[in-house]
Every structure is written in C-alpha cells, then in structure tokens.
Amino acid sequence: MISKEKKKELVLKFGGSEKNTGDTRVQIAILTEDIESLKKHFAVNKKDKHSMRGFIAKVNQRKRLLAYLKEKDFNSYKETIEALNIRK
C-alpha cells in the first residue's frame, strides 16, 4: 500500500492536477507503485498466497489500462512506460 503523499505526488506528476485522479496515466502510475511495493513483500513472504491473488489482479488491471492507453494515445503510452520504467 502506498502512502497518501506518494499517491498525491503521482497524481500531480501524471495527471496535471490534484483532481485528475481518474486519468489512465495516473491509474497506471499508482498501480505500478503498488506492484513494486508488493514485489518487496513477496521477496520476504514467499508463501503469502492470499496476497498473491491481489497482486496478480493489480498486474492484470495495469495490463488492461496499458492496452487501452496504447490504443487511444500512443505518444502518451510511450511517455508513461518510459517514465515508470515498465518495459525495456
């Protein structure tokens, strides 16, 4: 789980304003931050299968949002994956 401050920072960076929380880029950024924190959790807690289910759901949600963004605005998609360092 990410802090409110970190979430607010991501909303400002990717959404432009505090109110733009529903933007696809903002949602992808927040999910990416959550996924990165959960990766650290699973490095220590390998047998936490219950949380793994939620982790996989977050990864799949991000995957769908990235596909949507790629279809709607390819330039924004490229900027987002470079800024978040998602794909190589």
PDB file of N, CA and C in Angstrom:
ATOM      1  N   MET A   1       0.848  -1.177   0.000  1.00  0.00           N
ATOM      2  CA  MET A   1       0.000   0.000   0.000  1.00  0.00           C
ATOM      3  C   MET A   1       0.892   1.238   0.000  1.00  0.00           C
ATOM      4  N   ILE A   2       0.557   2.180  -0.842  1.00  0.00           N
ATOM      5  CA  ILE A   2       1.373   3.384  -0.909  1.00  0.00           C
ATOM      6  C   ILE A   2       0.744   4.481  -0.060  1.00  0.00           C
ATOM      7  N   SER A   3       1.572   5.410   0.370  1.00  0.00           N
ATOM      8  CA  SER A   3       1.102   6.471   1.253  1.00  0.00           C
ATOM      9  C   SER A   3       0.288   7.506   0.471  1.00  0.00           C
ATOM     10  N   LYS A   4      -0.482   8.297   1.199  1.00  0.00           N
ATOM     11  CA  LYS A   4      -1.287   9.345   0.575  1.00  0.00           C
ATOM     12  C   LYS A   4      -0.398  10.380  -0.102  1.00  0.00           C
ATOM     13  N   GLU A   5       0.740  10.668   0.517  1.00  0.00           N
ATOM     14  CA  GLU A   5       1.654  11.661  -0.037  1.00  0.00           C
ATOM     15  C   GLU A   5       2.219  11.188  -1.374  1.00  0.00           C
ATOM     16  N   LYS A   6       2.617   9.921  -1.427  1.00  0.00           N
ATOM     17  CA  LYS A   6       3.166   9.361  -2.660  1.00  0.00           C
ATOM     18  C   LYS A   6       2.096   9.332  -3.750  1.00  0.00           C
ATOM     19  N   LYS A   7       0.871   8.967  -3.367  1.00  0.00           N
ATOM     20  CA  LYS A   7      -0.231   8.921  -4.325  1.00  0.00           C
ATOM     21  C   LYS A   7      -0.520  10.322  -4.870  1.00  0.00           C
ATOM     22  N   LYS A   8      -0.496  11.316  -3.983  1.00  0.00           N
ATOM     23  CA  LYS A   8      -0.740  12.698  -4.385  1.00  0.00           C
ATOM     24  C   LYS A   8       0.347  13.175  -5.352  1.00  0.00           C
ATOM     25  N   GLU A   9       1.580  12.789  -5.063  1.00  0.00           N
ATOM     26  CA  GLU A   9       2.709  13.142  -5.922  1.00  0.00           C
ATOM     27  C   GLU A   9       2.541  12.537  -7.320  1.00  0.00           C
ATOM     28  N   LEU A  10       2.115  11.277  -7.373  1.00  0.00           N
ATOM     29  CA  LEU A  10       1.901  10.611  -8.661  1.00  0.00           C
ATOM     30  C   LEU A  10       0.753  11.253  -9.440  1.00  0.00           C
ATOM     31  N   VAL A  11      -0.303  11.646  -8.742  1.00  0.00           N
ATOM     32  CA  VAL A  11      -1.442  12.288  -9.400  1.00  0.00           C
ATOM     33  C   VAL A  11      -1.002  13.610 -10.017  1.00  0.00           C
ATOM     34  N   LEU A  12      -0.203  14.382  -9.289  1.00  0.00           N
ATOM     35  CA  LEU A  12       0.275  15.656  -9.818  1.00  0.00           C
ATOM     36  C   LEU A  12       1.213  15.454 -11.005  1.00  0.00           C
ATOM     37  N   LYS A  13       2.065  14.455 -10.922  1.00  0.00           N
ATOM     38  CA  LYS A  13       3.049  14.218 -11.980  1.00  0.00           C
ATOM     39  C   LYS A  13       2.395  13.722 -13.268  1.00  0.00           C
ATOM     40  N   PHE A  14       1.483  12.770 -13.156  1.00  0.00           N
ATOM     41  CA  PHE A  14       0.909  12.148 -14.347  1.00  0.00           C
ATOM     42  C   PHE A  14      -0.456  12.712 -14.740  1.00  0.00           C
ATOM     43  N   GLY A  15      -1.154  13.344 -13.810  1.00  0.00           N
ATOM     44  CA  GLY A  15      -2.486  13.849 -14.115  1.00  0.00           C
ATOM     45  C   GLY A  15      -2.547  15.337 -14.356  1.00  0.00           C
ATOM     46  N   GLY A  16      -1.561  16.068 -13.861  1.00  0.00           N
ATOM     47  CA  GLY A  16      -1.540  17.508 -14.060  1.00  0.00           C
ATOM     48  C   GLY A  16      -2.126  18.290 -12.901  1.00  0.00           C
ATOM     49  N   SER A  17      -3.179  17.785 -12.271  1.00  0.00           N
ATOM     50  CA  SER A  17      -3.771  18.465 -11.119  1.00  0.00           C
ATOM     51  C   SER A  17      -4.206  17.430 -10.085  1.00  0.00           C
ATOM     52  N   GLU A  18      -4.507  17.908  -8.882  1.00  0.00           N
ATOM     53  CA  GLU A  18      -4.906  17.009  -7.794  1.00  0.00           C
ATOM     54  C   GLU A  18      -6.228  16.306  -8.075  1.00  0.00           C
ATOM     55  N   LYS A  19      -7.078  16.947  -8.841  1.00  0.00           N
ATOM     56  CA  LYS A  19      -8.429  16.423  -9.085  1.00  0.00           C
ATOM     57  C   LYS A  19      -8.469  15.363 -10.185  1.00  0.00           C
ATOM     58  N   ASN A  20      -7.411  15.230 -10.953  1.00  0.00           N
ATOM     59  CA  ASN A  20      -7.407  14.340 -12.116  1.00  0.00           C
ATOM     60  C   ASN A  20      -6.950  12.934 -11.736  1.00  0.00           C
ATOM     61  N   THR A  21      -7.647  12.314 -10.801  1.00  0.00           N
ATOM     62  CA  THR A  21      -7.240  11.002 -10.297  1.00  0.00           C
ATOM     63  C   THR A  21      -7.695   9.848 -11.180  1.00  0.00           C
ATOM     64  N   GLY A  22      -8.648  10.082 -12.058  1.00  0.00           N
ATOM     65  CA  GLY A  22      -9.178   9.006 -12.884  1.00  0.00           C
ATOM     66  C   GLY A  22      -8.472   8.837 -14.210  1.00  0.00           C
ATOM     67  N   ASP A  23      -7.527   9.717 -14.497  1.00  0.00           N
ATOM     68  CA  ASP A  23      -6.791   9.630 -15.754  1.00  0.00           C
ATOM     69  C   ASP A  23      -6.079   8.287 -15.843  1.00  0.00           C
ATOM     70  N   THR A  24      -6.036   7.737 -17.042  1.00  0.00           N
ATOM     71  CA  THR A  24      -5.435   6.417 -17.254  1.00  0.00           C
ATOM     72  C   THR A  24      -3.980   6.399 -16.817  1.00  0.00           C
ATOM     73  N   ARG A  25      -3.237   7.454 -17.146  1.00  0.00           N
ATOM     74  CA  ARG A  25      -1.819   7.514 -16.781  1.00  0.00           C
ATOM     75  C   ARG A  25      -1.643   7.507 -15.256  1.00  0.00           C
ATOM     76  N   VAL A  26      -2.522   8.197 -14.552  1.00  0.00           N
ATOM     77  CA  VAL A  26      -2.453   8.250 -13.086  1.00  0.00           C
ATOM     78  C   VAL A  26      -2.740   6.873 -12.502  1.00  0.00           C
ATOM     79  N   GLN A  27      -3.768   6.209 -13.017  1.00  0.00           N
ATOM     80  CA  GLN A  27      -4.110   4.878 -12.522  1.00  0.00           C
ATOM     81  C   GLN A  27      -2.967   3.897 -12.744  1.00  0.00           C
ATOM     82  N   ILE A  28      -2.323   3.979 -13.910  1.00  0.00           N
ATOM     83  CA  ILE A  28      -1.193   3.100 -14.207  1.00  0.00           C
ATOM     84  C   ILE A  28      -0.039   3.380 -13.255  1.00  0.00           C
ATOM     85  N   ALA A  29       0.233   4.654 -12.988  1.00  0.00           N
ATOM     86  CA  ALA A  29       1.334   5.022 -12.092  1.00  0.00           C
ATOM     87  C   ALA A  29       1.085   4.514 -10.673  1.00  0.00           C
ATOM     88  N   ILE A  30      -0.133   4.654 -10.190  1.00  0.00           N
ATOM     89  CA  ILE A  30      -0.462   4.201  -8.835  1.00  0.00           C
ATOM     90  C   ILE A  30      -0.375   2.679  -8.744  1.00  0.00           C
ATOM     91  N   LEU A  31      -0.900   1.986  -9.750  1.00  0.00           N
ATOM     92  CA  LEU A  31      -0.809   0.523  -9.761  1.00  0.00           C
ATOM     93  C   LEU A  31       0.644   0.066  -9.818  1.00  0.00           C
ATOM     94  N   THR A  32       1.468   0.751 -10.599  1.00  0.00           N
ATOM     95  CA  THR A  32       2.881   0.388 -10.700  1.00  0.00           C
ATOM     96  C   THR A  32       3.574   0.544  -9.355  1.00  0.00           C
ATOM     97  N   GLU A  33       3.272   1.615  -8.654  1.00  0.00           N
ATOM     98  CA  GLU A  33       3.875   1.838  -7.333  1.00  0.00           C
ATOM     99  C   GLU A  33       3.440   0.747  -6.355  1.00  0.00           C
ATOM    100  N   ASP A  34       2.153   0.383  -6.403  1.00  0.00           N
ATOM    101  CA  ASP A  34       1.641  -0.702  -5.561  1.00  0.00           C
ATOM    102  C   ASP A  34       2.327  -2.027  -5.890  1.00  0.00           C
ATOM    103  N   ILE A  35       2.479  -2.304  -7.169  1.00  0.00           N
ATOM    104  CA  ILE A  35       3.103  -3.552  -7.613  1.00  0.00           C
ATOM    105  C   ILE A  35       4.547  -3.631  -7.140  1.00  0.00           C
ATOM    106  N   GLU A  36       5.266  -2.522  -7.239  1.00  0.00           N
ATOM    107  CA  GLU A  36       6.668  -2.509  -6.798  1.00  0.00           C
ATOM    108  C   GLU A  36       6.782  -2.764  -5.293  1.00  0.00           C
ATOM    109  N   SER A  37       5.866  -2.195  -4.506  1.00  0.00           N
ATOM    110  CA  SER A  37       5.920  -2.426  -3.059  1.00  0.00           C
ATOM    111  C   SER A  37       5.554  -3.876  -2.721  1.00  0.00           C
ATOM    112  N   LEU A  38       4.636  -4.453  -3.482  1.00  0.00           N
ATOM    113  CA  LEU A  38       4.265  -5.851  -3.243  1.00  0.00           C
ATOM    114  C   LEU A  38       5.374  -6.817  -3.650  1.00  0.00           C
ATOM    115  N   LYS A  39       6.163  -6.452  -4.649  1.00  0.00           N
ATOM    116  CA  LYS A  39       7.301  -7.297  -5.039  1.00  0.00           C
ATOM    117  C   LYS A  39       8.263  -7.459  -3.867  1.00  0.00           C
ATOM    118  N   LYS A  40       8.498  -6.360  -3.150  1.00  0.00           N
ATOM    119  CA  LYS A  40       9.379  -6.415  -1.972  1.00  0.00           C
ATOM    120  C   LYS A  40       8.769  -7.304  -0.893  1.00  0.00           C
ATOM    121  N   HIS A  41       7.452  -7.217  -0.735  1.00  0.00           N
ATOM    122  CA  HIS A  41       6.751  -8.031   0.253  1.00  0.00           C
ATOM    123  C   HIS A  41       6.912  -9.517  -0.061  1.00  0.00           C
ATOM    124  N   PHE A  42       6.775  -9.876  -1.341  1.00  0.00           N
ATOM    125  CA  PHE A  42       6.859 -11.284  -1.723  1.00  0.00           C
ATOM    126  C   PHE A  42       8.279 -11.818  -1.696  1.00  0.00           C
ATOM    127  N   ALA A  43       9.262 -10.943  -1.751  1.00  0.00           N
ATOM    128  CA  ALA A  43      10.644 -11.399  -1.623  1.00  0.00           C
ATOM    129  C   ALA A  43      10.878 -11.960  -0.223  1.00  0.00           C
ATOM    130  N   VAL A  44      10.189 -11.396   0.760  1.00  0.00           N
ATOM    131  CA  VAL A  44      10.326 -11.838   2.152  1.00  0.00           C
ATOM    132  C   VAL A  44       9.298 -12.916   2.495  1.00  0.00           C
ATOM    133  N   ASN A  45       8.073 -12.756   2.017  1.00  0.00           N
ATOM    134  CA  ASN A  45       6.963 -13.654   2.354  1.00  0.00           C
ATOM    135  C   ASN A  45       6.565 -14.487   1.145  1.00  0.00           C
ATOM    136  N   LYS A  46       7.325 -15.492   0.851  1.00  0.00           N
ATOM    137  CA  LYS A  46       7.109 -16.298  -0.346  1.00  0.00           C
ATOM    138  C   LYS A  46       5.811 -17.108  -0.309  1.00  0.00           C
ATOM    139  N   LYS A  47       5.337 -17.449   0.867  1.00  0.00           N
ATOM    140  CA  LYS A  47       4.158 -18.315   0.983  1.00  0.00           C
ATOM    141  C   LYS A  47       2.846 -17.548   1.149  1.00  0.00           C
ATOM    142  N   ASP A  48       2.871 -16.255   0.986  1.00  0.00           N
ATOM    143  CA  ASP A  48       1.674 -15.437   1.153  1.00  0.00           C
ATOM    144  C   ASP A  48       0.805 -15.521  -0.107  1.00  0.00           C
ATOM    145  N   LYS A  49       0.085 -16.620  -0.230  1.00  0.00           N
ATOM    146  CA  LYS A  49      -0.719 -16.880  -1.427  1.00  0.00           C
ATOM    147  C   LYS A  49      -1.947 -15.977  -1.508  1.00  0.00           C
ATOM    148  N   HIS A  50      -2.487 -15.595  -0.373  1.00  0.00           N
ATOM    149  CA  HIS A  50      -3.676 -14.749  -0.359  1.00  0.00           C
ATOM    150  C   HIS A  50      -3.369 -13.374  -0.964  1.00  0.00           C
ATOM    151  N   SER A  51      -2.259 -12.800  -0.590  1.00  0.00           N
ATOM    152  CA  SER A  51      -1.869 -11.503  -1.143  1.00  0.00           C
ATOM    153  C   SER A  51      -1.433 -11.623  -2.599  1.00  0.00           C
ATOM    154  N   MET A  52      -0.933 -12.784  -2.972  1.00  0.00           N
ATOM    155  CA  MET A  52      -0.511 -13.003  -4.356  1.00  0.00           C
ATOM    156  C   MET A  52      -1.694 -12.858  -5.312  1.00  0.00           C
ATOM    157  N   ARG A  53      -2.876 -13.261  -4.864  1.00  0.00           N
ATOM    158  CA  ARG A  53      -4.070 -13.145  -5.698  1.00  0.00           C
ATOM    159  C   ARG A  53      -4.370 -11.677  -5.994  1.00  0.00           C
ATOM    160  N   GLY A  54      -4.278 -10.834  -4.975  1.00  0.00           N
ATOM    161  CA  GLY A  54      -4.483  -9.401  -5.169  1.00  0.00           C
ATOM    162  C   GLY A  54      -3.404  -8.779  -6.041  1.00  0.00           C
ATOM    163  N   PHE A  55      -2.181  -9.257  -5.875  1.00  0.00           N
ATOM    164  CA  PHE A  55      -1.053  -8.782  -6.670  1.00  0.00           C
ATOM    165  C   PHE A  55      -1.289  -9.072  -8.151  1.00  0.00           C
ATOM    166  N   ILE A  56      -1.717 -10.286  -8.452  1.00  0.00           N
ATOM    167  CA  ILE A  56      -1.972 -10.672  -9.844  1.00  0.00           C
ATOM    168  C   ILE A  56      -3.122  -9.847 -10.421  1.00  0.00           C
ATOM    169  N   ALA A  57      -4.122  -9.552  -9.603  1.00  0.00           N
ATOM    170  CA  ALA A  57      -5.237  -8.722 -10.057  1.00  0.00           C
ATOM    171  C   ALA A  57      -4.746  -7.317 -10.414  1.00  0.00           C
ATOM    172  N   LYS A  58      -3.845  -6.764  -9.609  1.00  0.00           N
ATOM    173  CA  LYS A  58      -3.289  -5.434  -9.891  1.00  0.00           C
ATOM    174  C   LYS A  58      -2.469  -5.444 -11.176  1.00  0.00           C
ATOM    175  N   VAL A  59      -1.681  -6.481 -11.375  1.00  0.00           N
ATOM    176  CA  VAL A  59      -0.869  -6.590 -12.592  1.00  0.00           C
ATOM    177  C   VAL A  59      -1.771  -6.670 -13.819  1.00  0.00           C
ATOM    178  N   ASN A  60      -2.835  -7.464 -13.728  1.00  0.00           N
ATOM    179  CA  ASN A  60      -3.754  -7.602 -14.857  1.00  0.00           C
ATOM    180  C   ASN A  60      -4.513  -6.307 -15.133  1.00  0.00           C
ATOM    181  N   GLN A  61      -4.889  -5.592 -14.083  1.00  0.00           N
ATOM    182  CA  GLN A  61      -5.573  -4.308 -14.258  1.00  0.00           C
ATOM    183  C   GLN A  61      -4.656  -3.317 -14.965  1.00  0.00           C
ATOM    184  N   ARG A  62      -3.383  -3.274 -14.551  1.00  0.00           N
ATOM    185  CA  ARG A  62      -2.417  -2.379 -15.190  1.00  0.00           C
ATOM    186  C   ARG A  62      -2.221  -2.767 -16.657  1.00  0.00           C
ATOM    187  N   LYS A  63      -2.195  -4.057 -16.913  1.00  0.00           N
ATOM    188  CA  LYS A  63      -2.032  -4.552 -18.286  1.00  0.00           C
ATOM    189  C   LYS A  63      -3.183  -4.078 -19.177  1.00  0.00           C
ATOM    190  N   ARG A  64      -4.410  -4.158 -18.662  1.00  0.00           N
ATOM    191  CA  ARG A  64      -5.575  -3.705 -19.428  1.00  0.00           C
ATOM    192  C   ARG A  64      -5.536  -2.194 -19.660  1.00  0.00           C
ATOM    193  N   LEU A  65      -5.148  -1.443 -18.626  1.00  0.00           N
ATOM    194  CA  LEU A  65      -5.067   0.010 -18.764  1.00  0.00           C
ATOM    195  C   LEU A  65      -3.985   0.411 -19.765  1.00  0.00           C
ATOM    196  N   LEU A  66      -2.862  -0.301 -19.756  1.00  0.00           N
ATOM    197  CA  LEU A  66      -1.798  -0.010 -20.719  1.00  0.00           C
ATOM    198  C   LEU A  66      -2.256  -0.301 -22.147  1.00  0.00           C
ATOM    199  N   ALA A  67      -2.989  -1.378 -22.335  1.00  0.00           N
ATOM    200  CA  ALA A  67      -3.509  -1.711 -23.665  1.00  0.00           C
ATOM    201  C   ALA A  67      -4.483  -0.634 -24.140  1.00  0.00           C
ATOM    202  N   TYR A  68      -5.325  -0.151 -23.231  1.00  0.00           N
ATOM    203  CA  TYR A  68      -6.273   0.913 -23.559  1.00  0.00           C
ATOM    204  C   TYR A  68      -5.536   2.191 -23.951  1.00  0.00           C
ATOM    205  N   LEU A  69      -4.535   2.559 -23.153  1.00  0.00           N
ATOM    206  CA  LEU A  69      -3.782   3.781 -23.415  1.00  0.00           C
ATOM    207  C   LEU A  69      -3.024   3.681 -24.738  1.00  0.00           C
ATOM    208  N   LYS A  70      -2.481   2.518 -25.019  1.00  0.00           N
ATOM    209  CA  LYS A  70      -1.743   2.303 -26.269  1.00  0.00           C
ATOM    210  C   LYS A  70      -2.657   2.496 -27.475  1.00  0.00           C
ATOM    211  N   GLU A  71      -3.888   2.036 -27.351  1.00  0.00           N
ATOM    212  CA  GLU A  71      -4.852   2.156 -28.443  1.00  0.00           C
ATOM    213  C   GLU A  71      -5.337   3.594 -28.618  1.00  0.00           C
ATOM    214  N   LYS A  72      -5.569   4.300 -27.511  1.00  0.00           N
ATOM    215  CA  LYS A  72      -6.150   5.640 -27.567  1.00  0.00           C
ATOM    216  C   LYS A  72      -5.121   6.734 -27.843  1.00  0.00           C
ATOM    217  N   ASP A  73      -3.956   6.665 -27.195  1.00  0.00           N
ATOM    218  CA  ASP A  73      -2.959   7.732 -27.313  1.00  0.00           C
ATOM    219  C   ASP A  73      -1.564   7.121 -27.208  1.00  0.00           C
ATOM    220  N   PHE A  74      -1.004   6.760 -28.357  1.00  0.00           N
ATOM    221  CA  PHE A  74       0.262   6.030 -28.374  1.00  0.00           C
ATOM    222  C   PHE A  74       1.411   6.857 -27.802  1.00  0.00           C
ATOM    223  N   ASN A  75       1.440   8.160 -28.077  1.00  0.00           N
ATOM    224  CA  ASN A  75       2.526   9.003 -27.557  1.00  0.00           C
ATOM    225  C   ASN A  75       2.503   9.059 -26.033  1.00  0.00           C
ATOM    226  N   SER A  76       1.317   9.177 -25.476  1.00  0.00           N
ATOM    227  CA  SER A  76       1.167   9.179 -24.019  1.00  0.00           C
ATOM    228  C   SER A  76       1.583   7.834 -23.433  1.00  0.00           C
ATOM    229  N   TYR A  77       1.265   6.765 -24.140  1.00  0.00           N
ATOM    230  CA  TYR A  77       1.659   5.412 -23.731  1.00  0.00           C
ATOM    231  C   TYR A  77       3.176   5.304 -23.650  1.00  0.00           C
ATOM    232  N   LYS A  78       3.860   5.781 -24.698  1.00  0.00           N
ATOM    233  CA  LYS A  78       5.325   5.715 -24.727  1.00  0.00           C
ATOM    234  C   LYS A  78       5.933   6.526 -23.580  1.00  0.00           C
ATOM    235  N   GLU A  79       5.401   7.722 -23.344  1.00  0.00           N
ATOM    236  CA  GLU A  79       5.896   8.572 -22.259  1.00  0.00           C
ATOM    237  C   GLU A  79       5.700   7.896 -20.907  1.00  0.00           C
ATOM    238  N   THR A  80       4.554   7.268 -20.730  1.00  0.00           N
ATOM    239  CA  THR A  80       4.229   6.632 -19.456  1.00  0.00           C
ATOM    240  C   THR A  80       5.146   5.453 -19.162  1.00  0.00           C
ATOM    241  N   ILE A  81       5.350   4.575 -20.134  1.00  0.00           N
ATOM    242  CA  ILE A  81       6.196   3.410 -19.868  1.00  0.00           C
ATOM    243  C   ILE A  81       7.652   3.808 -19.677  1.00  0.00           C
ATOM    244  N   GLU A  82       8.084   4.887 -20.329  1.00  0.00           N
ATOM    245  CA  GLU A  82       9.450   5.362 -20.113  1.00  0.00           C
ATOM    246  C   GLU A  82       9.593   5.996 -18.736  1.00  0.00           C
ATOM    247  N   ALA A  83       8.596   6.786 -18.327  1.00  0.00           N
ATOM    248  CA  ALA A  83       8.655   7.462 -17.028  1.00  0.00           C
ATOM    249  C   ALA A  83       8.605   6.465 -15.870  1.00  0.00           C
ATOM    250  N   LEU A  84       7.821   5.398 -16.036  1.00  0.00           N
ATOM    251  CA  LEU A  84       7.672   4.410 -14.968  1.00  0.00           C
ATOM    252  C   LEU A  84       8.672   3.264 -15.084  1.00  0.00           C
ATOM    253  N   ASN A  85       9.399   3.234 -16.197  1.00  0.00           N
ATOM    254  CA  ASN A  85      10.404   2.191 -16.433  1.00  0.00           C
ATOM    255  C   ASN A  85       9.765   0.800 -16.358  1.00  0.00           C
ATOM    256  N   ILE A  86       8.657   0.636 -17.080  1.00  0.00           N
ATOM    257  CA  ILE A  86       7.919  -0.626 -17.044  1.00  0.00           C
ATOM    258  C   ILE A  86       8.491  -1.629 -18.027  1.00  0.00           C
ATOM    259  N   ARG A  87       8.596  -1.218 -19.289  1.00  0.00           N
ATOM    260  CA  ARG A  87       9.078  -2.134 -20.325  1.00  0.00           C
ATOM    261  C   ARG A  87      10.425  -1.670 -20.827  1.00  0.00           C
ATOM    262  N   LYS A  88      11.173  -2.635 -21.360  1.00  0.00           N
ATOM    263  CA  LYS A  88      12.517  -2.306 -21.818  1.00  0.00           C
ATOM    264  C   LYS A  88      12.547  -1.966 -23.282  1.00  0.00           C
TER     265      LYS A  88
END
